[in-house]
Amino acid sequence: MFPPIQPQSTNVGGIKRVLMLNKDPVTGNIELRHYAINTKLVEETRNIKKLINSHHNPKKNIPNLSKNKDISELVLDPYSVGGVTSDSEVEDDAIVEIKNEENNILKKKNATAPTEDDPMGEQAEEETNAAPSTRKRAIKLTELGPRINMTLVKIEEGLLGSSKTIYHANIEKSDKEIKALEKRHQELQKIKSERRAKQQENVKAKLAKKEAKKARREARKNGEVVEDDKDDESSSESDDDKPEIKPEDYENDSDLYSE
């Protein structure tokens, strides 16, 4: 569902979805949730943003600044204006600093282009080695679905219904029962192997008979004298020539994992 990522080299801006799993320690149920990641630049504080919005939108009231003694409180204290924030505003916990990789790419391109004042591009290279710039972004998760609640019932070694069961939530068997089932399973596997070997011999005999019939027909076309074969007169195949196929070969006979 999700491709593998390398945290050290993955571009954070390229991650668009997240899958969350939670296991209830009491019931053992596993909850699966699927979200889309939306990011938005946050360049100013909450109070500065209110002032800007009130300036651009006449319908919005200008924040009450009467309780502020200094203009620095407007920037340093996010709750100095308006008190409790509304649900539509971004919470501080949802704001993270993300490395601005676009600016770094531009700096690297500029570093490779020498100028008249700096023919070797050394000055640009020093700027490239400087600390990478970061920008604040607000992260919001939008649920995409589906919501899935799962319960682990059964774990098998190989393919479903044809391999040994490692874990079963509803069935517990003693060591004696497991050994008896393993012995029965081995006996059935031996019978199946013998039956398949016999079927392969029947198929080989059938193919050899077809090849011999074909060779006799070619010989007749060339005018050669061959022994008559009653089977050559009919194009239909005898039921005795068909390999023996039994439904038991395809049933799931492993009681170790069937329940």
C-alpha atoms as a PDB file:
ATOM      1  CA  MET A   1       0.000   0.000   0.000  1.00  0.00           C
ATOM      2  CA  PHE A   2       2.851   2.358   0.851  1.00  0.00           C
ATOM      3  CA  PRO A   3       6.311   2.326  -0.761  1.00  0.00           C
ATOM      4  CA  PRO A   4       9.352   1.928   1.532  1.00  0.00           C
ATOM      5  CA  ILE A   5      11.085   5.154   2.548  1.00  0.00           C
ATOM      6  CA  GLN A   6      14.509   6.149   3.835  1.00  0.00           C
ATOM      7  CA  PRO A   7      14.062   8.778   6.590  1.00  0.00           C
ATOM      8  CA  GLN A   8      17.551  10.207   6.040  1.00  0.00           C
ATOM      9  CA  SER A   9      17.110  10.863   2.317  1.00  0.00           C
ATOM     10  CA  THR A  10      13.338  11.170   1.828  1.00  0.00           C
ATOM     11  CA  ASN A  11      11.925  14.559   0.890  1.00  0.00           C
ATOM     12  CA  VAL A  12       9.444  15.463   3.620  1.00  0.00           C
ATOM     13  CA  GLY A  13       7.333  17.430   1.155  1.00  0.00           C
ATOM     14  CA  GLY A  14       6.865  14.283  -0.924  1.00  0.00           C
ATOM     15  CA  ILE A  15       5.101  12.378   1.876  1.00  0.00           C
ATOM     16  CA  LYS A  16       1.378  12.789   1.247  1.00  0.00           C
ATOM     17  CA  ARG A  17      -0.229  10.000   3.306  1.00  0.00           C
ATOM     18  CA  VAL A  18       0.184   8.266   6.652  1.00  0.00           C
ATOM     19  CA  LEU A  19      -1.122   4.934   7.955  1.00  0.00           C
ATOM     20  CA  MET A  20      -1.708   4.589  11.682  1.00  0.00           C
ATOM     21  CA  LEU A  21      -2.134   1.313  13.573  1.00  0.00           C
ATOM     22  CA  ASN A  22      -3.193   0.970  17.189  1.00  0.00           C
ATOM     23  CA  LYS A  23      -3.490  -2.267  19.158  1.00  0.00           C
ATOM     24  CA  ASP A  24      -5.772  -2.395  22.178  1.00  0.00           C
ATOM     25  CA  PRO A  25      -3.790  -4.151  24.946  1.00  0.00           C
ATOM     26  CA  VAL A  26      -7.001  -5.441  26.587  1.00  0.00           C
ATOM     27  CA  THR A  27      -9.046  -6.784  23.653  1.00  0.00           C
ATOM     28  CA  GLY A  28      -6.182  -7.278  21.191  1.00  0.00           C
ATOM     29  CA  ASN A  29      -8.117  -5.507  18.419  1.00  0.00           C
ATOM     30  CA  ILE A  30      -6.072  -3.622  15.816  1.00  0.00           C
ATOM     31  CA  GLU A  31      -7.414  -0.286  14.563  1.00  0.00           C
ATOM     32  CA  LEU A  32      -6.290   0.987  11.159  1.00  0.00           C
ATOM     33  CA  ARG A  33      -6.661   4.622  10.072  1.00  0.00           C
ATOM     34  CA  HIS A  34      -5.578   6.228   6.790  1.00  0.00           C
ATOM     35  CA  TYR A  35      -4.938   9.988   6.548  1.00  0.00           C
ATOM     36  CA  ALA A  36      -3.826  12.506   3.942  1.00  0.00           C
ATOM     37  CA  ILE A  37      -1.145  14.979   5.059  1.00  0.00           C
ATOM     38  CA  ASN A  38      -1.811  18.640   4.251  1.00  0.00           C
ATOM     39  CA  THR A  39       0.773  21.328   5.014  1.00  0.00           C
ATOM     40  CA  LYS A  40       0.473  25.110   5.000  1.00  0.00           C
ATOM     41  CA  LEU A  41       3.131  27.762   5.508  1.00  0.00           C
ATOM     42  CA  VAL A  42       2.957  29.622   8.826  1.00  0.00           C
ATOM     43  CA  GLU A  43       5.037  32.777   8.472  1.00  0.00           C
ATOM     44  CA  GLU A  44       3.621  34.946  11.259  1.00  0.00           C
ATOM     45  CA  THR A  45       2.323  34.600  14.794  1.00  0.00           C
ATOM     46  CA  ARG A  46      -1.362  34.328  15.621  1.00  0.00           C
ATOM     47  CA  ASN A  47      -1.655  37.957  16.737  1.00  0.00           C
ATOM     48  CA  ILE A  48       0.136  39.346  13.692  1.00  0.00           C
ATOM     49  CA  LYS A  49      -2.099  37.238  11.508  1.00  0.00           C
ATOM     50  CA  LYS A  50      -5.182  38.756  13.169  1.00  0.00           C
ATOM     51  CA  LEU A  51      -3.925  42.260  12.425  1.00  0.00           C
ATOM     52  CA  ILE A  52      -3.227  41.376   8.804  1.00  0.00           C
ATOM     53  CA  ASN A  53      -6.657  39.775   8.363  1.00  0.00           C
ATOM     54  CA  SER A  54      -8.418  42.783   9.908  1.00  0.00           C
ATOM     55  CA  HIS A  55      -6.548  45.070   7.528  1.00  0.00           C
ATOM     56  CA  HIS A  56      -7.473  43.100   4.400  1.00  0.00           C
ATOM     57  CA  ASN A  57     -11.009  42.241   5.495  1.00  0.00           C
ATOM     58  CA  PRO A  58     -13.082  45.218   6.752  1.00  0.00           C
ATOM     59  CA  LYS A  59     -15.676  42.864   8.255  1.00  0.00           C
ATOM     60  CA  LYS A  60     -13.167  41.581  10.811  1.00  0.00           C
ATOM     61  CA  ASN A  61     -12.737  43.671  13.965  1.00  0.00           C
ATOM     62  CA  ILE A  62      -9.368  45.066  14.942  1.00  0.00           C
ATOM     63  CA  PRO A  63      -7.958  43.150  17.948  1.00  0.00           C
ATOM     64  CA  ASN A  64      -8.158  44.892  21.325  1.00  0.00           C
ATOM     65  CA  LEU A  65      -4.647  46.053  22.177  1.00  0.00           C
ATOM     66  CA  SER A  66      -5.541  48.080  25.277  1.00  0.00           C
ATOM     67  CA  LYS A  67      -4.166  45.471  27.680  1.00  0.00           C
ATOM     68  CA  ASN A  68      -0.784  45.347  25.966  1.00  0.00           C
ATOM     69  CA  LYS A  69       1.874  47.592  27.478  1.00  0.00           C
ATOM     70  CA  ASP A  70       4.422  47.033  24.721  1.00  0.00           C
ATOM     71  CA  ILE A  71       4.284  46.112  21.050  1.00  0.00           C
ATOM     72  CA  SER A  72       6.624  43.180  21.746  1.00  0.00           C
ATOM     73  CA  GLU A  73       3.830  41.421  23.655  1.00  0.00           C
ATOM     74  CA  LEU A  74       1.902  41.232  20.422  1.00  0.00           C
ATOM     75  CA  VAL A  75       4.658  39.091  18.903  1.00  0.00           C
ATOM     76  CA  LEU A  76       6.038  37.201  21.895  1.00  0.00           C
ATOM     77  CA  ASP A  77       2.775  36.293  23.638  1.00  0.00           C
ATOM     78  CA  PRO A  78       0.421  34.472  21.229  1.00  0.00           C
ATOM     79  CA  TYR A  79      -2.488  34.723  23.709  1.00  0.00           C
ATOM     80  CA  SER A  80      -2.192  38.440  24.525  1.00  0.00           C
ATOM     81  CA  VAL A  81      -4.992  39.192  22.051  1.00  0.00           C
ATOM     82  CA  GLY A  82      -8.297  37.352  21.865  1.00  0.00           C
ATOM     83  CA  GLY A  83      -7.773  34.900  24.749  1.00  0.00           C
ATOM     84  CA  VAL A  84      -8.692  31.343  23.828  1.00  0.00           C
ATOM     85  CA  THR A  85      -8.241  30.480  20.168  1.00  0.00           C
ATOM     86  CA  SER A  86     -10.998  29.173  17.939  1.00  0.00           C
ATOM     87  CA  ASP A  87     -11.162  25.691  16.480  1.00  0.00           C
ATOM     88  CA  SER A  88     -10.254  26.988  13.026  1.00  0.00           C
ATOM     89  CA  GLU A  89      -6.875  28.301  14.176  1.00  0.00           C
ATOM     90  CA  VAL A  90      -3.811  26.126  14.035  1.00  0.00           C
ATOM     91  CA  GLU A  91      -2.577  24.655  17.311  1.00  0.00           C
ATOM     92  CA  ASP A  92       1.033  25.153  18.344  1.00  0.00           C
ATOM     93  CA  ASP A  93       1.584  21.388  18.511  1.00  0.00           C
ATOM     94  CA  ALA A  94       0.673  21.102  14.816  1.00  0.00           C
ATOM     95  CA  ILE A  95       3.383  23.570  13.704  1.00  0.00           C
ATOM     96  CA  VAL A  96       6.741  22.055  12.761  1.00  0.00           C
ATOM     97  CA  GLU A  97       9.919  23.343  11.166  1.00  0.00           C
ATOM     98  CA  ILE A  98      10.711  21.750   7.807  1.00  0.00           C
ATOM     99  CA  LYS A  99      13.967  22.094   5.913  1.00  0.00           C
ATOM    100  CA  ASN A 100      13.505  24.304   2.873  1.00  0.00           C
ATOM    101  CA  GLU A 101      15.033  22.080   0.195  1.00  0.00           C
ATOM    102  CA  GLU A 102      14.015  24.296  -2.723  1.00  0.00           C
ATOM    103  CA  ASN A 103      16.316  27.090  -1.588  1.00  0.00           C
ATOM    104  CA  ASN A 104      19.165  24.615  -1.121  1.00  0.00           C
ATOM    105  CA  ILE A 105      18.751  23.368  -4.702  1.00  0.00           C
ATOM    106  CA  LEU A 106      18.925  26.938  -6.009  1.00  0.00           C
ATOM    107  CA  LYS A 107      22.048  27.592  -3.962  1.00  0.00           C
ATOM    108  CA  LYS A 108      23.740  24.502  -5.399  1.00  0.00           C
ATOM    109  CA  LYS A 109      22.905  25.615  -8.929  1.00  0.00           C
ATOM    110  CA  ASN A 110      24.351  29.049  -8.226  1.00  0.00           C
ATOM    111  CA  ALA A 111      27.490  27.495  -6.781  1.00  0.00           C
ATOM    112  CA  THR A 112      28.286  25.747 -10.061  1.00  0.00           C
ATOM    113  CA  ALA A 113      28.090  28.972 -12.091  1.00  0.00           C
ATOM    114  CA  PRO A 114      31.331  31.042 -11.760  1.00  0.00           C
ATOM    115  CA  THR A 115      31.250  34.830 -12.161  1.00  0.00           C
ATOM    116  CA  GLU A 116      33.816  37.467 -13.105  1.00  0.00           C
ATOM    117  CA  ASP A 117      34.460  38.419  -9.475  1.00  0.00           C
ATOM    118  CA  ASP A 118      34.558  34.799  -8.388  1.00  0.00           C
ATOM    119  CA  PRO A 119      35.790  32.705 -11.350  1.00  0.00           C
ATOM    120  CA  MET A 120      36.072  29.494  -9.285  1.00  0.00           C
ATOM    121  CA  GLY A 121      32.699  29.829  -7.606  1.00  0.00           C
ATOM    122  CA  GLU A 122      34.276  29.638  -4.141  1.00  0.00           C
ATOM    123  CA  GLN A 123      32.089  32.314  -2.598  1.00  0.00           C
ATOM    124  CA  ALA A 124      28.909  30.620  -3.766  1.00  0.00           C
ATOM    125  CA  GLU A 125      30.214  27.316  -2.450  1.00  0.00           C
ATOM    126  CA  GLU A 126      30.669  28.817   1.006  1.00  0.00           C
ATOM    127  CA  GLU A 127      27.062  29.981   0.957  1.00  0.00           C
ATOM    128  CA  THR A 128      25.960  26.472  -0.004  1.00  0.00           C
ATOM    129  CA  ASN A 129      27.748  24.943   2.981  1.00  0.00           C
ATOM    130  CA  ALA A 130      25.897  27.275   5.344  1.00  0.00           C
ATOM    131  CA  ALA A 131      23.154  26.003   7.611  1.00  0.00           C
ATOM    132  CA  PRO A 132      20.025  25.025   5.650  1.00  0.00           C
ATOM    133  CA  SER A 133      17.051  27.364   6.000  1.00  0.00           C
ATOM    134  CA  THR A 134      13.877  26.122   7.648  1.00  0.00           C
ATOM    135  CA  ARG A 135      10.276  27.264   7.348  1.00  0.00           C
ATOM    136  CA  LYS A 136       7.378  26.711   9.696  1.00  0.00           C
ATOM    137  CA  ARG A 137       4.471  24.691   8.369  1.00  0.00           C
ATOM    138  CA  ALA A 138       1.141  23.785   9.906  1.00  0.00           C
ATOM    139  CA  ILE A 139       0.270  20.109   9.477  1.00  0.00           C
ATOM    140  CA  LYS A 140      -3.306  18.892   9.188  1.00  0.00           C
ATOM    141  CA  LEU A 141      -4.481  15.299   8.784  1.00  0.00           C
ATOM    142  CA  THR A 142      -7.577  14.548   6.704  1.00  0.00           C
ATOM    143  CA  GLU A 143      -9.014  11.052   7.077  1.00  0.00           C
ATOM    144  CA  LEU A 144      -9.310   9.186   3.780  1.00  0.00           C
ATOM    145  CA  GLY A 145     -10.537   5.833   5.041  1.00  0.00           C
ATOM    146  CA  PRO A 146     -11.339   3.068   5.164  1.00  0.00           C
ATOM    147  CA  ARG A 147     -11.616   2.593   8.902  1.00  0.00           C
ATOM    148  CA  ILE A 148     -10.741  -1.011   9.661  1.00  0.00           C
ATOM    149  CA  ASN A 149     -10.913  -2.822  13.001  1.00  0.00           C
ATOM    150  CA  MET A 150      -9.098  -6.159  12.834  1.00  0.00           C
ATOM    151  CA  THR A 151      -8.582  -9.093  15.162  1.00  0.00           C
ATOM    152  CA  LEU A 152      -5.723 -11.548  14.736  1.00  0.00           C
ATOM    153  CA  VAL A 153      -7.191 -15.053  14.531  1.00  0.00           C
ATOM    154  CA  LYS A 154      -4.663 -17.247  12.758  1.00  0.00           C
ATOM    155  CA  ILE A 155      -1.006 -17.239  11.631  1.00  0.00           C
ATOM    156  CA  GLU A 156       0.327 -19.814   9.155  1.00  0.00           C
ATOM    157  CA  GLU A 157       3.845 -20.533   7.944  1.00  0.00           C
ATOM    158  CA  GLY A 158       3.100 -20.592   4.219  1.00  0.00           C
ATOM    159  CA  LEU A 159       0.045 -20.323   1.976  1.00  0.00           C
ATOM    160  CA  LEU A 160      -3.375 -20.104   3.596  1.00  0.00           C
ATOM    161  CA  GLY A 161      -4.901 -23.517   4.254  1.00  0.00           C
ATOM    162  CA  SER A 162      -1.873 -25.541   3.158  1.00  0.00           C
ATOM    163  CA  SER A 163       0.782 -24.945   5.808  1.00  0.00           C
ATOM    164  CA  LYS A 164       1.430 -25.293   9.505  1.00  0.00           C
ATOM    165  CA  THR A 165      -0.471 -23.045  11.896  1.00  0.00           C
ATOM    166  CA  ILE A 166       1.779 -21.114  14.260  1.00  0.00           C
ATOM    167  CA  TYR A 167      -0.962 -19.355  16.224  1.00  0.00           C
ATOM    168  CA  HIS A 168      -4.726 -19.690  16.584  1.00  0.00           C
ATOM    169  CA  ALA A 169      -6.798 -17.418  18.809  1.00  0.00           C
ATOM    170  CA  ASN A 170      -9.708 -19.826  19.367  1.00  0.00           C
ATOM    171  CA  ILE A 171      -8.115 -23.294  19.320  1.00  0.00           C
ATOM    172  CA  GLU A 172      -5.498 -24.725  21.642  1.00  0.00           C
ATOM    173  CA  LYS A 173      -4.125 -28.252  21.228  1.00  0.00           C
ATOM    174  CA  SER A 174      -1.863 -30.295  23.437  1.00  0.00           C
ATOM    175  CA  ASP A 175       1.545 -31.538  22.354  1.00  0.00           C
ATOM    176  CA  LYS A 176       0.133 -35.052  22.010  1.00  0.00           C
ATOM    177  CA  GLU A 177      -2.623 -33.857  19.662  1.00  0.00           C
ATOM    178  CA  ILE A 178      -0.150 -31.854  17.580  1.00  0.00           C
ATOM    179  CA  LYS A 179       2.165 -34.872  17.164  1.00  0.00           C
ATOM    180  CA  ALA A 180      -0.780 -37.077  16.124  1.00  0.00           C
ATOM    181  CA  LEU A 181      -1.890 -34.510  13.542  1.00  0.00           C
ATOM    182  CA  GLU A 182       1.647 -34.149  12.187  1.00  0.00           C
ATOM    183  CA  LYS A 183       1.924 -37.924  11.818  1.00  0.00           C
ATOM    184  CA  ARG A 184      -1.421 -38.092   9.989  1.00  0.00           C
ATOM    185  CA  HIS A 185      -0.385 -35.209   7.768  1.00  0.00           C
ATOM    186  CA  GLN A 186       2.856 -36.984   6.810  1.00  0.00           C
ATOM    187  CA  GLU A 187       0.963 -40.170   5.951  1.00  0.00           C
ATOM    188  CA  LEU A 188      -1.459 -38.271   3.714  1.00  0.00           C
ATOM    189  CA  GLN A 189       1.440 -36.489   2.011  1.00  0.00           C
ATOM    190  CA  LYS A 190       3.067 -39.865   1.313  1.00  0.00           C
ATOM    191  CA  ILE A 191      -0.155 -41.220  -0.241  1.00  0.00           C
ATOM    192  CA  LYS A 192      -0.448 -38.102  -2.384  1.00  0.00           C
ATOM    193  CA  SER A 193       3.126 -38.444  -3.610  1.00  0.00           C
ATOM    194  CA  GLU A 194       2.571 -42.078  -4.627  1.00  0.00           C
ATOM    195  CA  ARG A 195      -0.666 -41.168  -6.407  1.00  0.00           C
ATOM    196  CA  ARG A 196       0.981 -38.314  -8.312  1.00  0.00           C
ATOM    197  CA  ALA A 197       3.863 -40.578  -9.357  1.00  0.00           C
ATOM    198  CA  LYS A 198       1.368 -43.081 -10.751  1.00  0.00           C
ATOM    199  CA  GLN A 199      -0.445 -40.331 -12.619  1.00  0.00           C
ATOM    200  CA  GLN A 200       2.811 -39.138 -14.165  1.00  0.00           C
ATOM    201  CA  GLU A 201       3.529 -42.664 -15.402  1.00  0.00           C
ATOM    202  CA  ASN A 202       0.063 -42.832 -16.994  1.00  0.00           C
ATOM    203  CA  VAL A 203       0.611 -39.485 -18.704  1.00  0.00           C
ATOM    204  CA  LYS A 204       3.999 -40.585 -20.077  1.00  0.00           C
ATOM    205  CA  ALA A 205       2.479 -43.825 -21.415  1.00  0.00           C
ATOM    206  CA  LYS A 206      -0.318 -41.855 -23.043  1.00  0.00           C
ATOM    207  CA  LEU A 207       2.112 -39.450 -24.725  1.00  0.00           C
ATOM    208  CA  ALA A 208       4.244 -42.358 -25.972  1.00  0.00           C
ATOM    209  CA  LYS A 209       1.147 -43.991 -27.461  1.00  0.00           C
ATOM    210  CA  LYS A 210       0.216 -40.749 -29.248  1.00  0.00           C
ATOM    211  CA  GLU A 211       3.706 -40.377 -30.670  1.00  0.00           C
ATOM    212  CA  ALA A 212       3.663 -43.961 -31.950  1.00  0.00           C
ATOM    213  CA  LYS A 213       0.262 -43.417 -33.577  1.00  0.00           C
ATOM    214  CA  LYS A 214       1.518 -40.212 -35.212  1.00  0.00           C
ATOM    215  CA  ALA A 215       4.596 -42.000 -36.535  1.00  0.00           C
ATOM    216  CA  ARG A 216       2.455 -44.754 -38.098  1.00  0.00           C
ATOM    217  CA  ARG A 217       0.236 -42.187 -39.832  1.00  0.00           C
ATOM    218  CA  GLU A 218       3.251 -40.403 -41.268  1.00  0.00           C
ATOM    219  CA  ALA A 219       4.595 -43.732 -42.494  1.00  0.00           C
ATOM    220  CA  ARG A 220       1.304 -44.498 -44.293  1.00  0.00           C
ATOM    221  CA  LYS A 221       1.421 -41.115 -46.020  1.00  0.00           C
ATOM    222  CA  ASN A 222       4.896 -41.942 -47.297  1.00  0.00           C
ATOM    223  CA  GLY A 223       3.688 -45.296 -48.679  1.00  0.00           C
ATOM    224  CA  GLU A 224       5.393 -47.439 -46.127  1.00  0.00           C
ATOM    225  CA  VAL A 225       3.840 -50.679 -44.893  1.00  0.00           C
ATOM    226  CA  VAL A 226       3.018 -50.613 -41.199  1.00  0.00           C
ATOM    227  CA  GLU A 227       1.104 -52.855 -38.851  1.00  0.00           C
ATOM    228  CA  ASP A 228      -2.609 -52.084 -38.516  1.00  0.00           C
ATOM    229  CA  ASP A 229      -3.692 -50.450 -35.295  1.00  0.00           C
ATOM    230  CA  LYS A 230      -7.339 -50.296 -34.331  1.00  0.00           C
ATOM    231  CA  ASP A 231      -6.698 -47.127 -32.362  1.00  0.00           C
ATOM    232  CA  ASP A 232      -5.766 -45.286 -35.549  1.00  0.00           C
ATOM    233  CA  GLU A 233      -9.323 -45.542 -36.870  1.00  0.00           C
ATOM    234  CA  SER A 234     -10.818 -43.457 -34.074  1.00  0.00           C
ATOM    235  CA  SER A 235      -9.689 -39.985 -33.120  1.00  0.00           C
ATOM    236  CA  SER A 236     -11.321 -40.121 -29.710  1.00  0.00           C
ATOM    237  CA  GLU A 237      -9.239 -41.123 -26.751  1.00  0.00           C
ATOM    238  CA  SER A 238     -10.077 -43.963 -24.476  1.00  0.00           C
ATOM    239  CA  ASP A 239     -11.011 -43.190 -20.911  1.00  0.00           C
ATOM    240  CA  ASP A 240      -8.476 -45.788 -19.788  1.00  0.00           C
ATOM    241  CA  ASP A 241      -5.663 -43.669 -21.234  1.00  0.00           C
ATOM    242  CA  LYS A 242      -6.576 -40.595 -19.215  1.00  0.00           C
ATOM    243  CA  PRO A 243      -4.635 -39.991 -16.001  1.00  0.00           C
ATOM    244  CA  GLU A 244      -6.453 -40.820 -12.818  1.00  0.00           C
ATOM    245  CA  ILE A 245      -7.478 -37.669 -10.982  1.00  0.00           C
ATOM    246  CA  LYS A 246      -9.140 -37.861  -7.602  1.00  0.00           C
ATOM    247  CA  PRO A 247     -10.722 -35.016  -5.628  1.00  0.00           C
ATOM    248  CA  GLU A 248      -8.724 -36.086  -2.581  1.00  0.00           C
ATOM    249  CA  ASP A 249      -5.579 -34.709  -4.243  1.00  0.00           C
ATOM    250  CA  TYR A 250      -6.881 -31.169  -3.945  1.00  0.00           C
ATOM    251  CA  GLU A 251      -8.565 -31.154  -0.564  1.00  0.00           C
ATOM    252  CA  ASN A 252      -7.076 -29.399   2.428  1.00  0.00           C
ATOM    253  CA  ASP A 253      -6.188 -32.365   4.580  1.00  0.00           C
ATOM    254  CA  SER A 254      -4.092 -30.509   7.133  1.00  0.00           C
ATOM    255  CA  ASP A 255      -5.946 -30.554  10.451  1.00  0.00           C
ATOM    256  CA  LEU A 256      -3.108 -28.632  12.037  1.00  0.00           C
ATOM    257  CA  TYR A 257      -4.498 -25.409  10.640  1.00  0.00           C
ATOM    258  CA  SER A 258      -7.985 -26.090   9.350  1.00  0.00           C
ATOM    259  CA  GLU A 259     -10.074 -24.858  12.289  1.00  0.00           C
END
